[in-house]
Each structure stands twice: as C-alpha cells, then as structure tokens.
C-alpha atoms as a PDB file:
ATOM      1  CA  MET A   1      11.705  -3.975 -11.836  1.00  0.00           C
ATOM      2  CA  THR A   2      10.299  -7.061 -13.448  1.00  0.00           C
ATOM      3  CA  ALA A   3      12.857  -9.838 -12.622  1.00  0.00           C
ATOM      4  CA  PRO A   4      11.172 -12.638 -10.603  1.00  0.00           C
ATOM      5  CA  ALA A   5      13.265 -11.717  -7.455  1.00  0.00           C
ATOM      6  CA  GLU A   6      12.222  -8.089  -7.691  1.00  0.00           C
ATOM      7  CA  LEU A   7       8.587  -9.186  -8.208  1.00  0.00           C
ATOM      8  CA  ASP A   8       8.837 -11.423  -5.063  1.00  0.00           C
ATOM      9  CA  GLN A   9      10.303  -8.347  -3.160  1.00  0.00           C
ATOM     10  CA  LEU A  10       7.352  -6.267  -4.129  1.00  0.00           C
ATOM     11  CA  ALA A  11       4.784  -9.079  -3.315  1.00  0.00           C
ATOM     12  CA  ASP A  12       6.431  -9.394   0.228  1.00  0.00           C
ATOM     13  CA  PHE A  13       6.472  -5.655   0.591  1.00  0.00           C
ATOM     14  CA  PHE A  14       2.743  -5.117  -0.108  1.00  0.00           C
ATOM     15  CA  GLY A  15       2.042  -8.294   2.030  1.00  0.00           C
ATOM     16  CA  ARG A  16       3.609  -6.464   5.047  1.00  0.00           C
ATOM     17  CA  TYR A  17       1.745  -3.298   3.972  1.00  0.00           C
ATOM     18  CA  GLY A  18      -1.512  -5.040   3.911  1.00  0.00           C
ATOM     19  CA  THR A  19      -1.020  -6.664   7.297  1.00  0.00           C
ATOM     20  CA  ALA A  20      -0.156  -3.230   8.741  1.00  0.00           C
ATOM     21  CA  LEU A  21      -3.153  -1.705   7.343  1.00  0.00           C
ATOM     22  CA  THR A  22      -5.589  -4.219   8.643  1.00  0.00           C
ATOM     23  CA  THR A  23      -4.012  -4.417  12.070  1.00  0.00           C
ATOM     24  CA  GLY A  24      -3.582  -0.628  12.465  1.00  0.00           C
ATOM     25  CA  ASP A  25       0.297  -0.769  12.745  1.00  0.00           C
ATOM     26  CA  VAL A  26       0.879   2.781  11.809  1.00  0.00           C
ATOM     27  CA  ALA A  27       4.538   2.680  12.495  1.00  0.00           C
ATOM     28  CA  VAL A  28       5.095  -0.038   9.901  1.00  0.00           C
ATOM     29  CA  ILE A  29       2.682   1.834   7.466  1.00  0.00           C
ATOM     30  CA  ALA A  30       4.865   4.957   7.979  1.00  0.00           C
ATOM     31  CA  GLY A  31       8.024   2.941   7.363  1.00  0.00           C
ATOM     32  CA  CYS A  32       6.671   1.778   3.977  1.00  0.00           C
ATOM     33  CA  HIS A  33       6.383   5.370   2.545  1.00  0.00           C
ATOM     34  CA  THR A  34       9.227   7.748   1.437  1.00  0.00           C
ATOM     35  CA  LEU A  35       8.997  11.222   2.355  1.00  0.00           C
ATOM     36  CA  PRO A  36       7.601  13.442   1.125  1.00  0.00           C
ATOM     37  CA  GLY A  37       4.677  11.473  -0.158  1.00  0.00           C
ATOM     38  CA  ILE A  38       1.483  12.002  -1.706  1.00  0.00           C
ATOM     39  CA  VAL A  39      -1.987  10.300  -1.882  1.00  0.00           C
ATOM     40  CA  VAL A  40      -4.339  11.311  -4.738  1.00  0.00           C
ATOM     41  CA  SER A  41      -8.026  10.312  -5.187  1.00  0.00           C
ATOM     42  CA  ASP A  42     -10.789  11.645  -7.427  1.00  0.00           C
ATOM     43  CA  THR A  43     -12.020  13.889  -4.418  1.00  0.00           C
ATOM     44  CA  TYR A  44      -8.912  14.787  -2.398  1.00  0.00           C
ATOM     45  CA  SER A  45      -5.121  14.788  -2.397  1.00  0.00           C
ATOM     46  CA  PHE A  46      -2.776  15.206   0.593  1.00  0.00           C
ATOM     47  CA  THR A  47       0.865  15.188   1.085  1.00  0.00           C
ATOM     48  CA  PHE A  48       2.966  14.176   4.083  1.00  0.00           C
ATOM     49  CA  SER A  49       6.550  15.028   4.985  1.00  0.00           C
ATOM     50  CA  SER A  50       7.124  13.077   8.320  1.00  0.00           C
ATOM     51  CA  PRO A  51       6.579   9.630   9.592  1.00  0.00           C
ATOM     52  CA  ALA A  52       4.137  11.102  12.152  1.00  0.00           C
ATOM     53  CA  ALA A  53       2.066  12.695   9.352  1.00  0.00           C
ATOM     54  CA  VAL A  54       1.886   9.310   7.564  1.00  0.00           C
ATOM     55  CA  ALA A  55       0.882   7.619  10.708  1.00  0.00           C
ATOM     56  CA  LEU A  56      -1.769  10.176  11.423  1.00  0.00           C
ATOM     57  CA  SER A  57      -3.246   9.901   7.959  1.00  0.00           C
ATOM     58  CA  PHE A  58      -3.647   6.230   8.319  1.00  0.00           C
ATOM     59  CA  LEU A  59      -4.944   6.137  11.951  1.00  0.00           C
ATOM     60  CA  GLY A  60      -8.604   5.590  10.895  1.00  0.00           C
ATOM     61  CA  ALA A  61      -7.842   2.706   8.412  1.00  0.00           C
ATOM     62  CA  ALA A  62      -7.863  -0.022  11.032  1.00  0.00           C
ATOM     63  CA  PRO A  63     -11.086   0.878  12.691  1.00  0.00           C
ATOM     64  CA  ALA A  64     -12.728   1.171   9.281  1.00  0.00           C
ATOM     65  CA  TYR A  65     -11.525  -2.450   8.445  1.00  0.00           C
ATOM     66  CA  ARG A  66     -12.747  -3.686  11.779  1.00  0.00           C
ATOM     67  CA  GLU A  67     -16.199  -2.152  11.304  1.00  0.00           C
ATOM     68  CA  GLN A  68     -16.357  -4.035   7.940  1.00  0.00           C
ATOM     69  CA  ARG A  69     -15.049  -7.249   9.944  1.00  0.00           C
ATOM     70  CA  ILE A  70     -12.037  -7.334   7.566  1.00  0.00           C
ATOM     71  CA  VAL A  71      -9.167  -9.326   9.049  1.00  0.00           C
ATOM     72  CA  ALA A  72      -6.763  -9.708   6.021  1.00  0.00           C
ATOM     73  CA  ALA A  73      -5.791  -7.954   2.945  1.00  0.00           C
ATOM     74  CA  HIS A  74      -4.226  -9.652   0.016  1.00  0.00           C
ATOM     75  CA  ALA A  75      -2.373  -7.501  -2.708  1.00  0.00           C
ATOM     76  CA  GLU A  76      -2.733  -8.967  -6.144  1.00  0.00           C
ATOM     77  CA  LEU A  77       0.096  -7.215  -8.277  1.00  0.00           C
ATOM     78  CA  ALA A  78      -1.954  -6.612 -11.494  1.00  0.00           C
ATOM     79  CA  GLU A  79       0.787  -4.772 -13.298  1.00  0.00           C
ATOM     80  CA  VAL A  80       4.310  -3.610 -12.818  1.00  0.00           C
ATOM     81  CA  LEU A  81       5.605  -1.002 -15.098  1.00  0.00           C
ATOM     82  CA  PRO A  82       9.308  -0.395 -14.685  1.00  0.00           C
ATOM     83  CA  LEU A  83      10.244   3.388 -14.920  1.00  0.00           C
ATOM     84  CA  PRO A  84      13.785   4.831 -15.176  1.00  0.00           C
ATOM     85  CA  ALA A  85      16.355   4.045 -12.439  1.00  0.00           C
ATOM     86  CA  SER A  86      14.856   2.829  -9.108  1.00  0.00           C
ATOM     87  CA  LEU A  87      11.107   3.582  -9.739  1.00  0.00           C
ATOM     88  CA  CYS A  88       8.124   1.413 -10.821  1.00  0.00           C
ATOM     89  CA  LEU A  89       4.348   1.957 -11.077  1.00  0.00           C
ATOM     90  CA  VAL A  90       2.647  -1.036  -9.473  1.00  0.00           C
ATOM     91  CA  ALA A  91      -1.131  -1.582 -10.071  1.00  0.00           C
ATOM     92  CA  VAL A  92      -2.581  -3.512  -7.055  1.00  0.00           C
ATOM     93  CA  GLU A  93      -5.967  -4.971  -6.590  1.00  0.00           C
ATOM     94  CA  TRP A  94      -6.605  -5.546  -2.977  1.00  0.00           C
ATOM     95  CA  GLU A  95      -8.651  -8.666  -1.865  1.00  0.00           C
ATOM     96  CA  TYR A  96     -10.096  -8.526   1.538  1.00  0.00           C
ATOM     97  CA  LEU A  97     -11.300 -11.312   3.829  1.00  0.00           C
ATOM     98  CA  ASP A  98     -13.706 -11.008   6.694  1.00  0.00           C
ATOM     99  CA  ASP A  99     -13.736 -12.699   9.971  1.00  0.00           C
ATOM    100  CA  ARG A 100     -15.849 -15.444   8.352  1.00  0.00           C
ATOM    101  CA  GLY A 101     -13.202 -16.053   5.594  1.00  0.00           C
ATOM    102  CA  GLU A 102     -15.380 -14.610   3.065  1.00  0.00           C
ATOM    103  CA  SER A 103     -14.152 -12.366   0.345  1.00  0.00           C
ATOM    104  CA  VAL A 104     -15.077  -8.601   0.577  1.00  0.00           C
ATOM    105  CA  PRO A 105     -14.926  -6.301  -2.419  1.00  0.00           C
ATOM    106  CA  GLY A 106     -11.421  -4.765  -2.628  1.00  0.00           C
ATOM    107  CA  GLU A 107      -9.932  -1.586  -3.868  1.00  0.00           C
ATOM    108  CA  ARG A 108      -7.561  -0.735  -6.480  1.00  0.00           C
ATOM    109  CA  TYR A 109      -4.576   1.487  -6.433  1.00  0.00           C
ATOM    110  CA  ARG A 110      -1.534   2.475  -8.410  1.00  0.00           C
ATOM    111  CA  TYR A 111       1.551   2.947  -6.327  1.00  0.00           C
ATOM    112  CA  LEU A 112       4.722   4.810  -7.389  1.00  0.00           C
ATOM    113  CA  VAL A 113       7.389   2.749  -5.656  1.00  0.00           C
ATOM    114  CA  ARG A 114      11.022   3.697  -5.177  1.00  0.00           C
ATOM    115  CA  THR A 115      13.375   0.731  -4.387  1.00  0.00           C
ATOM    116  CA  ASP A 116      16.693   1.414  -2.585  1.00  0.00           C
ATOM    117  CA  ALA A 117      19.068  -0.572  -0.479  1.00  0.00           C
ATOM    118  CA  ASP A 118      16.439  -0.860   2.236  1.00  0.00           C
ATOM    119  CA  GLY A 119      13.833  -2.204  -0.152  1.00  0.00           C
ATOM    120  CA  PRO A 120      10.593  -0.771  -1.728  1.00  0.00           C
ATOM    121  CA  HIS A 121       8.990   2.251  -0.496  1.00  0.00           C
ATOM    122  CA  ILE A 122       5.750   3.914  -1.612  1.00  0.00           C
ATOM    123  CA  THR A 123       6.251   7.491  -2.924  1.00  0.00           C
ATOM    124  CA  ALA A 124       2.718   8.139  -4.273  1.00  0.00           C
ATOM    125  CA  VAL A 125      -0.599   6.363  -3.982  1.00  0.00           C
ATOM    126  CA  ILE A 126      -3.316   6.967  -6.663  1.00  0.00           C
ATOM    127  CA  THR A 127      -6.816   5.552  -6.089  1.00  0.00           C
ATOM    128  CA  THR A 128      -8.091   3.801  -9.291  1.00  0.00           C
ATOM    129  CA  ARG A 129     -11.016   2.005  -7.916  1.00  0.00           C
END
C-alpha cells in the first residue's frame, strides 16, 4: 500500500480518526477499527470485540485532550510498510495543536491497518512513543 492514491487514502483516514479523537466522536472511532482489535503499550494491553467496547475504551480520550487544551490532531505518516494482501503497518507521529494554535508534544504509534472495499480500518495499535 504505497501508491500515491493509497497514501492519500491513509492520510484522509487518519485525518478523520484524529478529528474523532479530539472531538470525542466515539462512534467514528469505533468505525475506524476492525473487530476484534487490540491495543498494546509497554504497561498494558487490551482487546475489543464489539463497536461498543471500542467506544468505551476511548471515552476518556476527548476529556484528556480538552484538559490539555488540545483542539486538533494531525497525523504525520512517518512510514508505511506494505504487508501481504490488504495489510500495512503505518508509523504515525501525532502533532497536536492547543487552543492558542501552539504545538503540543505528540505521541507515536504503529497501526496495523487492513484495507477492504470500505477503506482502511485499524486492526492493532502499538504505542511507540
């Protein structure tokens, strides 16, 4: 998944995902994930097998962003590694903007993304900092 059109599709997808994260739109967040899915960090891991479970796991994200006065998230696709079939591993560096328009230190993740007829969907999220 490295053709320009496919990269544009991934950029659009992560743009929608970032907007949903900062606005707390858990329905859109849930729709961005395949099921079952997994989130892995150095201190915890969890899986989800329903849209409701995805939504529940992200309920705290928007208030956390608001507490930090973050109003926007921009996904910089640092690397896209094509894998067999419809999978790719996407390294994303998030850049956040606060309500004064200033940059806030972001986070880094690797996303295992599966693309089907409905577009890209996140299968796994790995925190990389």
